[in-house]
Every structure is written in C-alpha cells, then in structure tokens.
Amino acid sequence: MIGNNVAHSKLRTKRDFGINLKTKKFWSEEEQRFITLKVSCKGMRTIEKNGLDATIKEARKKGFINVV
C-alpha cells in the first residue's frame, strides 16, 4: 500500500506501508519439532486460536502454502 508522509508545512512525499511480518518459532505437536515461520501479527492470533497444525492444513487447502 502506498500513501503520503505529510510534513508540518503540508508538503507531501510518497511512502510505502510495509507488511507487519515477524519471524516466530512455533511448536508442532504433529511433527514434534519447532517450525520457524514469517507470519503477520494477525496470523499469530489465528495460530493461537486454532492451533498450528490446523492452521497449516487450512492454508494448504486454500493454496497459500505449497511447500511439503
């Protein structure tokens, strides 16, 4: 997403709004190991709510993840 930085003098310059990604390790009960993911804060909330394994299965079904 692109927007403007607005100075006190109302001078506008273009800026980018970056994605809120964090690198986080999650424990997978199914594989009995830690999995490192780059995930947004909303994604972390989804994983906490539904569980890591269920979230990964749902993402694969929707086509977001294509790594085995």
N, C-alpha and C. Protein backbone atom coordinates (compact mmCIF):
# COMPACT_ATOMS: atom_id res chain seq x y z
N MET A 1 0.85 -1.16 0.00
CA MET A 1 0.00 0.00 0.00
C MET A 1 0.90 1.23 0.00
N ILE A 2 0.49 2.26 -0.70
CA ILE A 2 1.27 3.48 -0.81
C ILE A 2 0.47 4.64 -0.25
N GLY A 3 1.15 5.53 0.43
CA GLY A 3 0.50 6.71 1.00
C GLY A 3 1.44 7.89 0.96
N ASN A 4 1.18 8.87 1.81
CA ASN A 4 1.98 10.09 1.85
C ASN A 4 2.51 10.34 3.25
N ASN A 5 3.77 10.82 3.32
CA ASN A 5 4.27 11.44 4.53
C ASN A 5 3.85 12.90 4.44
N VAL A 6 3.23 13.43 5.47
CA VAL A 6 2.77 14.82 5.44
C VAL A 6 3.56 15.59 6.49
N ALA A 7 4.33 16.58 6.02
CA ALA A 7 5.12 17.41 6.91
C ALA A 7 4.23 18.49 7.55
N HIS A 8 4.79 19.17 8.55
CA HIS A 8 4.06 20.25 9.22
C HIS A 8 3.63 21.33 8.23
N SER A 9 4.45 21.54 7.19
CA SER A 9 4.16 22.54 6.16
C SER A 9 3.20 22.01 5.10
N LYS A 10 2.62 20.85 5.33
CA LYS A 10 1.68 20.18 4.42
C LYS A 10 2.34 19.67 3.13
N LEU A 11 3.68 19.64 3.09
CA LEU A 11 4.40 19.08 1.97
C LEU A 11 4.24 17.57 2.01
N ARG A 12 3.86 16.97 0.87
CA ARG A 12 3.60 15.54 0.83
C ARG A 12 4.66 14.82 0.01
N THR A 13 5.18 13.70 0.55
CA THR A 13 6.10 12.85 -0.18
C THR A 13 5.58 11.42 -0.08
N LYS A 14 5.82 10.64 -1.12
CA LYS A 14 5.31 9.27 -1.17
C LYS A 14 6.04 8.38 -0.17
N ARG A 15 5.32 7.40 0.35
CA ARG A 15 5.90 6.40 1.25
C ARG A 15 5.18 5.08 1.05
N ASP A 16 5.84 3.99 1.46
CA ASP A 16 5.26 2.65 1.41
C ASP A 16 4.84 2.23 2.81
N PHE A 17 3.72 1.53 2.88
CA PHE A 17 3.31 0.89 4.12
C PHE A 17 3.73 -0.56 4.01
N GLY A 18 4.67 -0.98 4.87
CA GLY A 18 5.19 -2.34 4.81
C GLY A 18 4.25 -3.33 5.47
N ILE A 19 4.50 -4.60 5.22
CA ILE A 19 3.72 -5.68 5.82
C ILE A 19 4.26 -5.93 7.22
N ASN A 20 3.38 -6.17 8.16
CA ASN A 20 3.76 -6.39 9.55
C ASN A 20 4.12 -7.86 9.76
N LEU A 21 5.32 -8.25 9.30
CA LEU A 21 5.76 -9.64 9.42
C LEU A 21 6.76 -9.79 10.55
N LYS A 22 6.64 -10.88 11.27
CA LYS A 22 7.56 -11.23 12.35
C LYS A 22 8.06 -12.65 12.10
N THR A 23 9.28 -12.95 12.49
CA THR A 23 9.81 -14.31 12.44
C THR A 23 9.57 -14.93 13.80
N LYS A 24 8.86 -16.06 13.85
CA LYS A 24 8.50 -16.68 15.12
C LYS A 24 8.59 -18.19 15.00
N LYS A 25 9.01 -18.83 16.10
CA LYS A 25 9.06 -20.28 16.16
C LYS A 25 7.81 -20.80 16.85
N PHE A 26 7.20 -21.80 16.25
CA PHE A 26 6.01 -22.45 16.81
C PHE A 26 6.31 -23.92 17.01
N TRP A 27 5.76 -24.51 18.05
CA TRP A 27 5.91 -25.95 18.32
C TRP A 27 4.80 -26.71 17.59
N SER A 28 5.19 -27.70 16.81
CA SER A 28 4.24 -28.54 16.10
C SER A 28 4.10 -29.86 16.85
N GLU A 29 2.92 -30.12 17.39
CA GLU A 29 2.66 -31.38 18.10
C GLU A 29 2.70 -32.56 17.13
N GLU A 30 2.23 -32.33 15.91
CA GLU A 30 2.15 -33.40 14.92
C GLU A 30 3.54 -33.89 14.52
N GLU A 31 4.50 -32.96 14.35
CA GLU A 31 5.84 -33.32 13.91
C GLU A 31 6.84 -33.37 15.07
N GLN A 32 6.43 -32.97 16.26
CA GLN A 32 7.29 -32.96 17.45
C GLN A 32 8.58 -32.17 17.22
N ARG A 33 8.43 -30.96 16.65
CA ARG A 33 9.59 -30.10 16.42
C ARG A 33 9.12 -28.65 16.30
N PHE A 34 10.08 -27.72 16.40
CA PHE A 34 9.77 -26.31 16.20
C PHE A 34 9.77 -26.00 14.71
N ILE A 35 8.86 -25.15 14.30
CA ILE A 35 8.77 -24.69 12.92
C ILE A 35 8.90 -23.17 12.95
N THR A 36 9.82 -22.62 12.17
CA THR A 36 10.02 -21.18 12.10
C THR A 36 9.22 -20.64 10.92
N LEU A 37 8.38 -19.65 11.19
CA LEU A 37 7.54 -19.04 10.16
C LEU A 37 7.70 -17.54 10.18
N LYS A 38 7.61 -16.92 9.02
CA LYS A 38 7.47 -15.47 8.92
C LYS A 38 5.98 -15.22 8.80
N VAL A 39 5.38 -14.64 9.83
CA VAL A 39 3.93 -14.56 9.91
C VAL A 39 3.53 -13.17 10.41
N SER A 40 2.38 -12.69 9.96
CA SER A 40 1.87 -11.40 10.42
C SER A 40 1.30 -11.56 11.84
N CYS A 41 1.06 -10.43 12.48
CA CYS A 41 0.52 -10.46 13.84
C CYS A 41 -0.89 -11.06 13.84
N LYS A 42 -1.67 -10.80 12.81
CA LYS A 42 -2.99 -11.41 12.71
C LYS A 42 -2.87 -12.91 12.52
N GLY A 43 -1.86 -13.34 11.76
CA GLY A 43 -1.61 -14.77 11.58
C GLY A 43 -1.23 -15.45 12.89
N MET A 44 -0.46 -14.74 13.74
CA MET A 44 -0.11 -15.29 15.05
C MET A 44 -1.35 -15.50 15.90
N ARG A 45 -2.28 -14.56 15.83
CA ARG A 45 -3.53 -14.69 16.59
C ARG A 45 -4.34 -15.88 16.09
N THR A 46 -4.36 -16.08 14.78
CA THR A 46 -5.09 -17.22 14.20
C THR A 46 -4.46 -18.53 14.64
N ILE A 47 -3.13 -18.59 14.66
CA ILE A 47 -2.45 -19.80 15.10
C ILE A 47 -2.73 -20.07 16.57
N GLU A 48 -2.72 -19.03 17.40
CA GLU A 48 -3.03 -19.21 18.83
C GLU A 48 -4.46 -19.70 19.03
N LYS A 49 -5.37 -19.23 18.19
CA LYS A 49 -6.79 -19.59 18.34
C LYS A 49 -7.06 -21.01 17.86
N ASN A 50 -6.57 -21.36 16.66
CA ASN A 50 -6.92 -22.64 16.03
C ASN A 50 -5.87 -23.72 16.20
N GLY A 51 -4.65 -23.35 16.56
CA GLY A 51 -3.56 -24.32 16.65
C GLY A 51 -2.74 -24.30 15.37
N LEU A 52 -1.46 -24.61 15.52
CA LEU A 52 -0.53 -24.54 14.37
C LEU A 52 -0.88 -25.55 13.29
N ASP A 53 -1.09 -26.80 13.66
CA ASP A 53 -1.32 -27.85 12.66
C ASP A 53 -2.61 -27.62 11.88
N ALA A 54 -3.67 -27.19 12.57
CA ALA A 54 -4.94 -26.92 11.89
C ALA A 54 -4.82 -25.72 10.97
N THR A 55 -4.07 -24.70 11.38
CA THR A 55 -3.90 -23.51 10.55
C THR A 55 -3.10 -23.83 9.30
N ILE A 56 -2.06 -24.65 9.44
CA ILE A 56 -1.25 -25.03 8.27
C ILE A 56 -2.07 -25.86 7.29
N LYS A 57 -2.87 -26.79 7.80
CA LYS A 57 -3.72 -27.59 6.92
C LYS A 57 -4.72 -26.73 6.17
N GLU A 58 -5.32 -25.77 6.85
CA GLU A 58 -6.28 -24.85 6.21
C GLU A 58 -5.60 -23.99 5.15
N ALA A 59 -4.38 -23.51 5.44
CA ALA A 59 -3.65 -22.68 4.48
C ALA A 59 -3.26 -23.49 3.25
N ARG A 60 -2.89 -24.76 3.43
CA ARG A 60 -2.57 -25.61 2.28
C ARG A 60 -3.81 -25.85 1.42
N LYS A 61 -4.96 -26.03 2.09
CA LYS A 61 -6.20 -26.28 1.35
C LYS A 61 -6.59 -25.07 0.51
N LYS A 62 -6.33 -23.85 1.04
CA LYS A 62 -6.66 -22.63 0.30
C LYS A 62 -5.59 -22.26 -0.72
N GLY A 63 -4.44 -22.95 -0.70
CA GLY A 63 -3.40 -22.69 -1.68
C GLY A 63 -2.38 -21.65 -1.25
N PHE A 64 -2.36 -21.26 0.01
CA PHE A 64 -1.40 -20.27 0.48
C PHE A 64 -0.02 -20.88 0.68
N ILE A 65 0.04 -22.16 1.02
CA ILE A 65 1.30 -22.85 1.26
C ILE A 65 1.40 -24.00 0.24
N ASN A 66 2.51 -24.04 -0.47
CA ASN A 66 2.68 -25.14 -1.41
C ASN A 66 3.97 -25.91 -1.15
N VAL A 67 4.57 -25.73 0.05
CA VAL A 67 5.77 -26.46 0.43
C VAL A 67 5.34 -27.68 1.23
N VAL A 68 5.97 -28.81 0.98
CA VAL A 68 5.61 -30.06 1.65
C VAL A 68 6.09 -30.07 3.06
